[in-house]
């Protein structure tokens, strides 16, 4: 019973991390084309990503050569977290 609960919990965490990585990728790609800021999808993506970008920018300088690397840093951090969670829960079960 507990094993199934741990597997479900780990799967949920990994899925949320994976989805958030895609949100960051889509937001970064959209920033290249300057979409309409009043578009509800663009507003939602900004609300989901800007707090994470601000957290990264608070501790790490992210602008190199005129490009903001905050999305890339976040993707690497989330990838690390995803692998860590998967390996942590695979060893517990």
PDB file of N, CA and C in Angstrom:
ATOM      1  N   UNK A   1       0.831  -1.196   0.000  1.00  0.00           N
ATOM      2  CA  UNK A   1       0.000   0.000   0.000  1.00  0.00           C
ATOM      3  C   UNK A   1       0.872   1.256   0.000  1.00  0.00           C
ATOM      4  N   UNK A   2       1.856   1.287   0.881  1.00  0.00           N
ATOM      5  CA  UNK A   2       2.729   2.461   0.964  1.00  0.00           C
ATOM      6  C   UNK A   2       3.580   2.570  -0.298  1.00  0.00           C
ATOM      7  N   UNK A   3       3.988   1.428  -0.843  1.00  0.00           N
ATOM      8  CA  UNK A   3       4.772   1.458  -2.071  1.00  0.00           C
ATOM      9  C   UNK A   3       3.988   2.110  -3.207  1.00  0.00           C
ATOM     10  N   UNK A   4       2.726   1.762  -3.315  1.00  0.00           N
ATOM     11  CA  UNK A   4       1.881   2.339  -4.368  1.00  0.00           C
ATOM     12  C   UNK A   4       1.696   3.839  -4.158  1.00  0.00           C
ATOM     13  N   UNK A   5       1.550   4.235  -2.912  1.00  0.00           N
ATOM     14  CA  UNK A   5       1.402   5.657  -2.594  1.00  0.00           C
ATOM     15  C   UNK A   5       2.674   6.421  -2.956  1.00  0.00           C
ATOM     16  N   UNK A   6       3.835   5.856  -2.660  1.00  0.00           N
ATOM     17  CA  UNK A   6       5.107   6.494  -2.998  1.00  0.00           C
ATOM     18  C   UNK A   6       5.300   6.592  -4.510  1.00  0.00           C
ATOM     19  N   UNK A   7       4.933   5.554  -5.215  1.00  0.00           N
ATOM     20  CA  UNK A   7       5.044   5.576  -6.676  1.00  0.00           C
ATOM     21  C   UNK A   7       4.116   6.643  -7.257  1.00  0.00           C
ATOM     22  N   UNK A   8       2.903   6.721  -6.756  1.00  0.00           N
ATOM     23  CA  UNK A   8       1.957   7.728  -7.235  1.00  0.00           C
ATOM     24  C   UNK A   8       2.458   9.131  -6.928  1.00  0.00           C
ATOM     25  N   UNK A   9       2.989   9.337  -5.741  1.00  0.00           N
ATOM     26  CA  UNK A   9       3.509  10.638  -5.340  1.00  0.00           C
ATOM     27  C   UNK A   9       4.704  11.032  -6.209  1.00  0.00           C
ATOM     28  N   UNK A  10       5.619  10.104  -6.435  1.00  0.00           N
ATOM     29  CA  UNK A  10       6.795  10.376  -7.264  1.00  0.00           C
ATOM     30  C   UNK A  10       6.380  10.677  -8.701  1.00  0.00           C
ATOM     31  N   UNK A  11       5.438   9.914  -9.227  1.00  0.00           N
ATOM     32  CA  UNK A  11       4.961  10.137 -10.587  1.00  0.00           C
ATOM     33  C   UNK A  11       4.314  11.507 -10.717  1.00  0.00           C
ATOM     34  N   UNK A  12       3.543  11.910  -9.729  1.00  0.00           N
ATOM     35  CA  UNK A  12       2.904  13.228  -9.740  1.00  0.00           C
ATOM     36  C   UNK A  12       3.947  14.338  -9.721  1.00  0.00           C
ATOM     37  N   UNK A  13       4.946  14.227  -8.873  1.00  0.00           N
ATOM     38  CA  UNK A  13       5.998  15.244  -8.782  1.00  0.00           C
ATOM     39  C   UNK A  13       6.762  15.345 -10.101  1.00  0.00           C
ATOM     40  N   UNK A  14       7.146  14.211 -10.658  1.00  0.00           N
ATOM     41  CA  UNK A  14       7.905  14.199 -11.912  1.00  0.00           C
ATOM     42  C   UNK A  14       7.063  14.772 -13.052  1.00  0.00           C
ATOM     43  N   UNK A  15       5.779  14.482 -13.072  1.00  0.00           N
ATOM     44  CA  UNK A  15       4.893  15.004 -14.104  1.00  0.00           C
ATOM     45  C   UNK A  15       4.763  16.524 -13.999  1.00  0.00           C
ATOM     46  N   UNK A  16       4.602  17.038 -12.794  1.00  0.00           N
ATOM     47  CA  UNK A  16       4.490  18.486 -12.596  1.00  0.00           C
ATOM     48  C   UNK A  16       5.787  19.179 -13.011  1.00  0.00           C
ATOM     49  N   UNK A  17       6.914  18.605 -12.653  1.00  0.00           N
ATOM     50  CA  UNK A  17       8.206  19.183 -13.049  1.00  0.00           C
ATOM     51  C   UNK A  17       8.333  19.192 -14.565  1.00  0.00           C
ATOM     52  N   UNK A  18       7.965  18.102 -15.200  1.00  0.00           N
ATOM     53  CA  UNK A  18       8.047  18.013 -16.658  1.00  0.00           C
ATOM     54  C   UNK A  18       7.128  19.035 -17.332  1.00  0.00           C
ATOM     55  N   UNK A  19       5.918  19.173 -16.842  1.00  0.00           N
ATOM     56  CA  UNK A  19       4.985  20.154 -17.403  1.00  0.00           C
ATOM     57  C   UNK A  19       5.513  21.576 -17.235  1.00  0.00           C
ATOM     58  N   UNK A  20       6.098  21.866 -16.080  1.00  0.00           N
ATOM     59  CA  UNK A  20       6.623  23.213 -15.837  1.00  0.00           C
ATOM     60  C   UNK A  20       7.818  23.500 -16.746  1.00  0.00           C
ATOM     61  N   UNK A  21       8.608  22.479 -17.047  1.00  0.00           N
ATOM     62  CA  UNK A  21       9.703  22.674 -18.009  1.00  0.00           C
ATOM     63  C   UNK A  21       9.138  23.088 -19.361  1.00  0.00           C
ATOM     64  N   UNK A  22       8.055  22.467 -19.788  1.00  0.00           N
ATOM     65  CA  UNK A  22       7.446  22.819 -21.071  1.00  0.00           C
ATOM     66  C   UNK A  22       6.856  24.227 -21.041  1.00  0.00           C
ATOM     67  N   UNK A  23       6.300  24.617 -19.909  1.00  0.00           N
ATOM     68  CA  UNK A  23       5.785  25.988 -19.776  1.00  0.00           C
ATOM     69  C   UNK A  23       6.927  26.993 -19.938  1.00  0.00           C
ATOM     70  N   UNK A  24       8.070  26.705 -19.342  1.00  0.00           N
ATOM     71  CA  UNK A  24       9.232  27.587 -19.457  1.00  0.00           C
ATOM     72  C   UNK A  24       9.732  27.626 -20.899  1.00  0.00           C
ATOM     73  N   UNK A  25       9.795  26.484 -21.554  1.00  0.00           N
ATOM     74  CA  UNK A  25      10.249  26.440 -22.948  1.00  0.00           C
ATOM     75  C   UNK A  25       9.316  27.248 -23.845  1.00  0.00           C
ATOM     76  N   UNK A  26       8.025  27.061 -23.687  1.00  0.00           N
ATOM     77  CA  UNK A  26       7.055  27.793 -24.506  1.00  0.00           C
ATOM     78  C   UNK A  26       7.143  29.287 -24.237  1.00  0.00           C
ATOM     79  N   UNK A  27       7.269  29.662 -22.980  1.00  0.00           N
ATOM     80  CA  UNK A  27       7.387  31.076 -22.624  1.00  0.00           C
ATOM     81  C   UNK A  27       8.649  31.697 -23.213  1.00  0.00           C
ATOM     82  N   UNK A  28       9.755  30.965 -23.166  1.00  0.00           N
ATOM     83  CA  UNK A  28      11.008  31.476 -23.725  1.00  0.00           C
ATOM     84  C   UNK A  28      10.899  31.636 -25.245  1.00  0.00           C
ATOM     85  N   UNK A  29      10.290  30.671 -25.904  1.00  0.00           N
ATOM     86  CA  UNK A  29      10.124  30.764 -27.359  1.00  0.00           C
ATOM     87  C   UNK A  29       9.211  31.926 -27.735  1.00  0.00           C
ATOM     88  N   UNK A  30       8.159  32.136 -26.971  1.00  0.00           N
ATOM     89  CA  UNK A  30       7.249  33.245 -27.248  1.00  0.00           C
ATOM     90  C   UNK A  30       7.917  34.597 -27.025  1.00  0.00           C
ATOM     91  N   UNK A  31       8.864  34.660 -26.109  1.00  0.00           N
ATOM     92  CA  UNK A  31       9.525  35.937 -25.846  1.00  0.00           C
ATOM     93  C   UNK A  31      10.348  36.399 -27.049  1.00  0.00           C
ATOM     94  N   UNK A  32      10.704  35.496 -27.934  1.00  0.00           N
ATOM     95  CA  UNK A  32      11.471  35.865 -29.125  1.00  0.00           C
ATOM     96  C   UNK A  32      10.611  36.584 -30.162  1.00  0.00           C
ATOM     97  N   UNK A  33       9.307  36.342 -30.159  1.00  0.00           N
ATOM     98  CA  UNK A  33       8.440  36.913 -31.191  1.00  0.00           C
ATOM     99  C   UNK A  33       7.594  38.083 -30.695  1.00  0.00           C
ATOM    100  N   UNK A  34       7.744  38.473 -29.442  1.00  0.00           N
ATOM    101  CA  UNK A  34       6.996  39.593 -28.863  1.00  0.00           C
ATOM    102  C   UNK A  34       5.486  39.473 -29.102  1.00  0.00           C
ATOM    103  N   UNK A  35       4.844  38.498 -28.457  1.00  0.00           N
ATOM    104  CA  UNK A  35       3.401  38.319 -28.652  1.00  0.00           C
ATOM    105  C   UNK A  35       2.609  39.439 -27.974  1.00  0.00           C
ATOM    106  N   UNK A  36       1.342  39.492 -28.279  1.00  0.00           N
ATOM    107  CA  UNK A  36       0.447  40.487 -27.687  1.00  0.00           C
ATOM    108  C   UNK A  36       0.392  40.281 -26.170  1.00  0.00           C
ATOM    109  N   UNK A  37       0.799  41.267 -25.367  1.00  0.00           N
ATOM    110  CA  UNK A  37       0.816  41.083 -23.909  1.00  0.00           C
ATOM    111  C   UNK A  37      -0.579  40.962 -23.293  1.00  0.00           C
ATOM    112  N   UNK A  38      -1.620  41.305 -24.048  1.00  0.00           N
ATOM    113  CA  UNK A  38      -2.983  41.197 -23.531  1.00  0.00           C
ATOM    114  C   UNK A  38      -3.631  39.853 -23.850  1.00  0.00           C
ATOM    115  N   UNK A  39      -2.925  39.011 -24.577  1.00  0.00           N
ATOM    116  CA  UNK A  39      -3.421  37.668 -24.877  1.00  0.00           C
ATOM    117  C   UNK A  39      -3.478  36.869 -23.569  1.00  0.00           C
ATOM    118  N   UNK A  40      -4.594  36.222 -23.267  1.00  0.00           N
ATOM    119  CA  UNK A  40      -4.721  35.500 -21.997  1.00  0.00           C
ATOM    120  C   UNK A  40      -3.698  34.369 -21.829  1.00  0.00           C
ATOM    121  N   UNK A  41      -3.328  33.717 -22.910  1.00  0.00           N
ATOM    122  CA  UNK A  41      -2.341  32.634 -22.807  1.00  0.00           C
ATOM    123  C   UNK A  41      -0.976  33.206 -22.448  1.00  0.00           C
ATOM    124  N   UNK A  42      -0.622  34.316 -23.082  1.00  0.00           N
ATOM    125  CA  UNK A  42       0.652  34.966 -22.792  1.00  0.00           C
ATOM    126  C   UNK A  42       0.667  35.451 -21.348  1.00  0.00           C
ATOM    127  N   UNK A  43      -0.435  36.016 -20.885  1.00  0.00           N
ATOM    128  CA  UNK A  43      -0.519  36.480 -19.503  1.00  0.00           C
ATOM    129  C   UNK A  43      -0.381  35.311 -18.523  1.00  0.00           C
ATOM    130  N   UNK A  44      -1.015  34.189 -18.828  1.00  0.00           N
ATOM    131  CA  UNK A  44      -0.915  33.024 -17.962  1.00  0.00           C
ATOM    132  C   UNK A  44       0.525  32.506 -17.913  1.00  0.00           C
ATOM    133  N   UNK A  45       1.171  32.424 -19.077  1.00  0.00           N
ATOM    134  CA  UNK A  45       2.558  31.961 -19.113  1.00  0.00           C
ATOM    135  C   UNK A  45       3.465  32.898 -18.326  1.00  0.00           C
ATOM    136  N   UNK A  46       3.233  34.200 -18.443  1.00  0.00           N
ATOM    137  CA  UNK A  46       4.035  35.160 -17.677  1.00  0.00           C
ATOM    138  C   UNK A  46       3.808  35.014 -16.175  1.00  0.00           C
ATOM    139  N   UNK A  47       2.562  34.808 -15.775  1.00  0.00           N
ATOM    140  CA  UNK A  47       2.275  34.627 -14.339  1.00  0.00           C
ATOM    141  C   UNK A  47       2.899  33.348 -13.796  1.00  0.00           C
ATOM    142  N   UNK A  48       3.010  32.340 -14.640  1.00  0.00           N
ATOM    143  CA  UNK A  48       3.599  31.075 -14.193  1.00  0.00           C
ATOM    144  C   UNK A  48       5.130  31.109 -14.159  1.00  0.00           C
ATOM    145  N   UNK A  49       5.741  31.891 -15.055  1.00  0.00           N
ATOM    146  CA  UNK A  49       7.199  31.841 -15.161  1.00  0.00           C
ATOM    147  C   UNK A  49       7.928  33.007 -14.506  1.00  0.00           C
ATOM    148  N   UNK A  50       7.341  34.184 -14.470  1.00  0.00           N
ATOM    149  CA  UNK A  50       8.063  35.348 -13.966  1.00  0.00           C
ATOM    150  C   UNK A  50       8.519  35.213 -12.509  1.00  0.00           C
ATOM    151  N   UNK A  51       7.733  34.630 -11.597  1.00  0.00           N
ATOM    152  CA  UNK A  51       8.248  34.454 -10.229  1.00  0.00           C
ATOM    153  C   UNK A  51       9.482  33.558 -10.161  1.00  0.00           C
ATOM    154  N   UNK A  52       9.504  32.512 -10.971  1.00  0.00           N
ATOM    155  CA  UNK A  52      10.680  31.626 -10.987  1.00  0.00           C
ATOM    156  C   UNK A  52      11.877  32.341 -11.594  1.00  0.00           C
ATOM    157  N   UNK A  53      11.647  33.107 -12.667  1.00  0.00           N
ATOM    158  CA  UNK A  53      12.735  33.880 -13.261  1.00  0.00           C
ATOM    159  C   UNK A  53      13.288  34.878 -12.252  1.00  0.00           C
ATOM    160  N   UNK A  54      12.403  35.541 -11.520  1.00  0.00           N
ATOM    161  CA  UNK A  54      12.841  36.533 -10.532  1.00  0.00           C
ATOM    162  C   UNK A  54      13.677  35.875  -9.437  1.00  0.00           C
ATOM    163  N   UNK A  55      13.299  34.683  -9.033  1.00  0.00           N
ATOM    164  CA  UNK A  55      14.068  33.971  -8.010  1.00  0.00           C
ATOM    165  C   UNK A  55      15.472  33.641  -8.501  1.00  0.00           C
ATOM    166  N   UNK A  56      15.574  33.188  -9.738  1.00  0.00           N
ATOM    167  CA  UNK A  56      16.887  32.877 -10.310  1.00  0.00           C
ATOM    168  C   UNK A  56      17.709  34.153 -10.454  1.00  0.00           C
ATOM    169  N   UNK A  57      17.076  35.209 -10.960  1.00  0.00           N
ATOM    170  CA  UNK A  57      17.790  36.475 -11.175  1.00  0.00           C
ATOM    171  C   UNK A  57      18.258  37.101  -9.867  1.00  0.00           C
ATOM    172  N   UNK A  58      17.585  36.782  -8.791  1.00  0.00           N
ATOM    173  CA  UNK A  58      17.959  37.326  -7.483  1.00  0.00           C
ATOM    174  C   UNK A  58      19.336  36.817  -7.052  1.00  0.00           C
ATOM    175  N   UNK A  59      19.679  35.588  -7.401  1.00  0.00           N
ATOM    176  CA  UNK A  59      20.917  34.962  -6.937  1.00  0.00           C
ATOM    177  C   UNK A  59      21.988  34.818  -8.019  1.00  0.00           C
ATOM    178  N   UNK A  60      21.591  34.813  -9.274  1.00  0.00           N
ATOM    179  CA  UNK A  60      22.537  34.561 -10.361  1.00  0.00           C
ATOM    180  C   UNK A  60      22.356  35.631 -11.431  1.00  0.00           C
ATOM    181  N   UNK A  61      23.450  36.260 -11.877  1.00  0.00           N
ATOM    182  CA  UNK A  61      23.295  37.162 -13.037  1.00  0.00           C
ATOM    183  C   UNK A  61      22.965  36.325 -14.272  1.00  0.00           C
ATOM    184  N   UNK A  62      21.884  36.669 -14.940  1.00  0.00           N
ATOM    185  CA  UNK A  62      21.396  35.800 -16.014  1.00  0.00           C
ATOM    186  C   UNK A  62      21.512  36.397 -17.402  1.00  0.00           C
ATOM    187  N   UNK A  63      21.903  37.653 -17.522  1.00  0.00           N
ATOM    188  CA  UNK A  63      21.995  38.276 -18.839  1.00  0.00           C
ATOM    189  C   UNK A  63      23.443  38.194 -19.323  1.00  0.00           C
ATOM    190  N   UNK A  64      23.636  37.462 -20.413  1.00  0.00           N
ATOM    191  CA  UNK A  64      24.949  37.302 -21.020  1.00  0.00           C
ATOM    192  C   UNK A  64      24.832  37.623 -22.508  1.00  0.00           C
ATOM    193  N   UNK A  65      25.577  38.597 -22.957  1.00  0.00           N
ATOM    194  CA  UNK A  65      25.545  38.952 -24.371  1.00  0.00           C
ATOM    195  C   UNK A  65      24.186  39.421 -24.838  1.00  0.00           C
ATOM    196  N   UNK A  66      23.424  40.037 -23.960  1.00  0.00           N
ATOM    197  CA  UNK A  66      22.103  40.531 -24.318  1.00  0.00           C
ATOM    198  C   UNK A  66      21.003  39.490 -24.266  1.00  0.00           C
ATOM    199  N   UNK A  67      21.341  38.257 -23.929  1.00  0.00           N
ATOM    200  CA  UNK A  67      20.324  37.194 -23.829  1.00  0.00           C
ATOM    201  C   UNK A  67      20.119  36.822 -22.369  1.00  0.00           C
ATOM    202  N   UNK A  68      18.862  36.655 -21.988  1.00  0.00           N
ATOM    203  CA  UNK A  68      18.527  36.249 -20.629  1.00  0.00           C
ATOM    204  C   UNK A  68      18.594  34.727 -20.544  1.00  0.00           C
ATOM    205  N   UNK A  69      19.432  34.234 -19.668  1.00  0.00           N
ATOM    206  CA  UNK A  69      19.630  32.794 -19.524  1.00  0.00           C
ATOM    207  C   UNK A  69      18.805  32.194 -18.383  1.00  0.00           C
ATOM    208  N   UNK A  70      17.922  32.982 -17.771  1.00  0.00           N
ATOM    209  CA  UNK A  70      17.108  32.470 -16.665  1.00  0.00           C
ATOM    210  C   UNK A  70      16.288  31.240 -17.064  1.00  0.00           C
ATOM    211  N   UNK A  71      15.648  31.221 -18.241  1.00  0.00           N
ATOM    212  CA  UNK A  71      14.906  30.006 -18.611  1.00  0.00           C
ATOM    213  C   UNK A  71      15.804  28.776 -18.717  1.00  0.00           C
ATOM    214  N   UNK A  72      16.976  28.944 -19.289  1.00  0.00           N
ATOM    215  CA  UNK A  72      17.897  27.820 -19.437  1.00  0.00           C
ATOM    216  C   UNK A  72      18.374  27.318 -18.078  1.00  0.00           C
ATOM    217  N   UNK A  73      18.688  28.240 -17.180  1.00  0.00           N
ATOM    218  CA  UNK A  73      19.116  27.864 -15.827  1.00  0.00           C
ATOM    219  C   UNK A  73      17.996  27.118 -15.114  1.00  0.00           C
ATOM    220  N   UNK A  74      16.770  27.608 -15.257  1.00  0.00           N
ATOM    221  CA  UNK A  74      15.618  26.936 -14.638  1.00  0.00           C
ATOM    222  C   UNK A  74      15.393  25.545 -15.218  1.00  0.00           C
ATOM    223  N   UNK A  75      15.537  25.411 -16.515  1.00  0.00           N
ATOM    224  CA  UNK A  75      15.346  24.099 -17.138  1.00  0.00           C
ATOM    225  C   UNK A  75      16.391  23.109 -16.626  1.00  0.00           C
ATOM    226  N   UNK A  76      17.647  23.549 -16.529  1.00  0.00           N
ATOM    227  CA  UNK A  76      18.687  22.673 -15.986  1.00  0.00           C
ATOM    228  C   UNK A  76      18.389  22.290 -14.541  1.00  0.00           C
ATOM    229  N   UNK A  77      17.950  23.254 -13.734  1.00  0.00           N
ATOM    230  CA  UNK A  77      17.636  22.978 -12.333  1.00  0.00           C
ATOM    231  C   UNK A  77      16.463  22.006 -12.220  1.00  0.00           C
ATOM    232  N   UNK A  78      15.440  22.205 -13.039  1.00  0.00           N
ATOM    233  CA  UNK A  78      14.289  21.305 -13.008  1.00  0.00           C
ATOM    234  C   UNK A  78      14.651  19.912 -13.506  1.00  0.00           C
ATOM    235  N   UNK A  79      15.518  19.838 -14.499  1.00  0.00           N
ATOM    236  CA  UNK A  79      15.971  18.533 -14.996  1.00  0.00           C
ATOM    237  C   UNK A  79      16.722  17.795 -13.890  1.00  0.00           C
ATOM    238  N   UNK A  80      17.601  18.505 -13.187  1.00  0.00           N
ATOM    239  CA  UNK A  80      18.326  17.916 -12.066  1.00  0.00           C
ATOM    240  C   UNK A  80      17.346  17.421 -10.997  1.00  0.00           C
ATOM    241  N   UNK A  81      16.364  18.266 -10.659  1.00  0.00           N
ATOM    242  CA  UNK A  81      15.378  17.896  -9.650  1.00  0.00           C
ATOM    243  C   UNK A  81      14.562  16.688 -10.084  1.00  0.00           C
ATOM    244  N   UNK A  82      14.198  16.642 -11.350  1.00  0.00           N
ATOM    245  CA  UNK A  82      13.425  15.507 -11.873  1.00  0.00           C
ATOM    246  C   UNK A  82      14.220  14.203 -11.768  1.00  0.00           C
ATOM    247  N   UNK A  83      15.475  14.236 -12.158  1.00  0.00           N
ATOM    248  CA  UNK A  83      16.319  13.046 -12.064  1.00  0.00           C
ATOM    249  C   UNK A  83      16.531  12.647 -10.610  1.00  0.00           C
ATOM    250  N   UNK A  84      16.718  13.632  -9.745  1.00  0.00           N
ATOM    251  CA  UNK A  84      16.912  13.359  -8.319  1.00  0.00           C
ATOM    252  C   UNK A  84      15.682  12.685  -7.716  1.00  0.00           C
ATOM    253  N   UNK A  85      14.517  13.198  -8.012  1.00  0.00           N
ATOM    254  CA  UNK A  85      13.271  12.628  -7.469  1.00  0.00           C
ATOM    255  C   UNK A  85      13.062  11.209  -7.997  1.00  0.00           C
ATOM    256  N   UNK A  86      13.313  11.016  -9.290  1.00  0.00           N
ATOM    257  CA  UNK A  86      13.147   9.679  -9.852  1.00  0.00           C
ATOM    258  C   UNK A  86      14.093   8.680  -9.207  1.00  0.00           C
ATOM    259  N   UNK A  87      15.345   9.060  -9.037  1.00  0.00           N
ATOM    260  CA  UNK A  87      16.293   8.123  -8.437  1.00  0.00           C
ATOM    261  C   UNK A  87      16.035   7.924  -6.950  1.00  0.00           C
ATOM    262  N   UNK A  88      15.585   8.959  -6.275  1.00  0.00           N
ATOM    263  CA  UNK A  88      15.289   8.852  -4.843  1.00  0.00           C
ATOM    264  C   UNK A  88      14.154   7.860  -4.607  1.00  0.00           C
ATOM    265  N   UNK A  89      13.063   8.012  -5.365  1.00  0.00           N
ATOM    266  CA  UNK A  89      11.928   7.133  -5.167  1.00  0.00           C
ATOM    267  C   UNK A  89      12.150   5.743  -5.727  1.00  0.00           C
ATOM    268  N   UNK A  90      12.991   5.606  -6.733  1.00  0.00           N
ATOM    269  CA  UNK A  90      13.257   4.262  -7.256  1.00  0.00           C
ATOM    270  C   UNK A  90      14.068   3.443  -6.254  1.00  0.00           C
ATOM    271  N   UNK A  91      14.884   4.095  -5.436  1.00  0.00           N
ATOM    272  CA  UNK A  91      15.672   3.378  -4.431  1.00  0.00           C
ATOM    273  C   UNK A  91      14.861   3.045  -3.190  1.00  0.00           C
ATOM    274  N   UNK A  92      13.818   3.822  -2.935  1.00  0.00           N
ATOM    275  CA  UNK A  92      12.985   3.546  -1.762  1.00  0.00           C
ATOM    276  C   UNK A  92      12.074   2.359  -1.983  1.00  0.00           C
ATOM    277  N   UNK A  93      11.742   2.110  -3.217  1.00  0.00           N
ATOM    278  CA  UNK A  93      10.755   1.041  -3.506  1.00  0.00           C
ATOM    279  C   UNK A  93      11.468  -0.244  -3.868  1.00  0.00           C
TER     280      UNK A  93
END
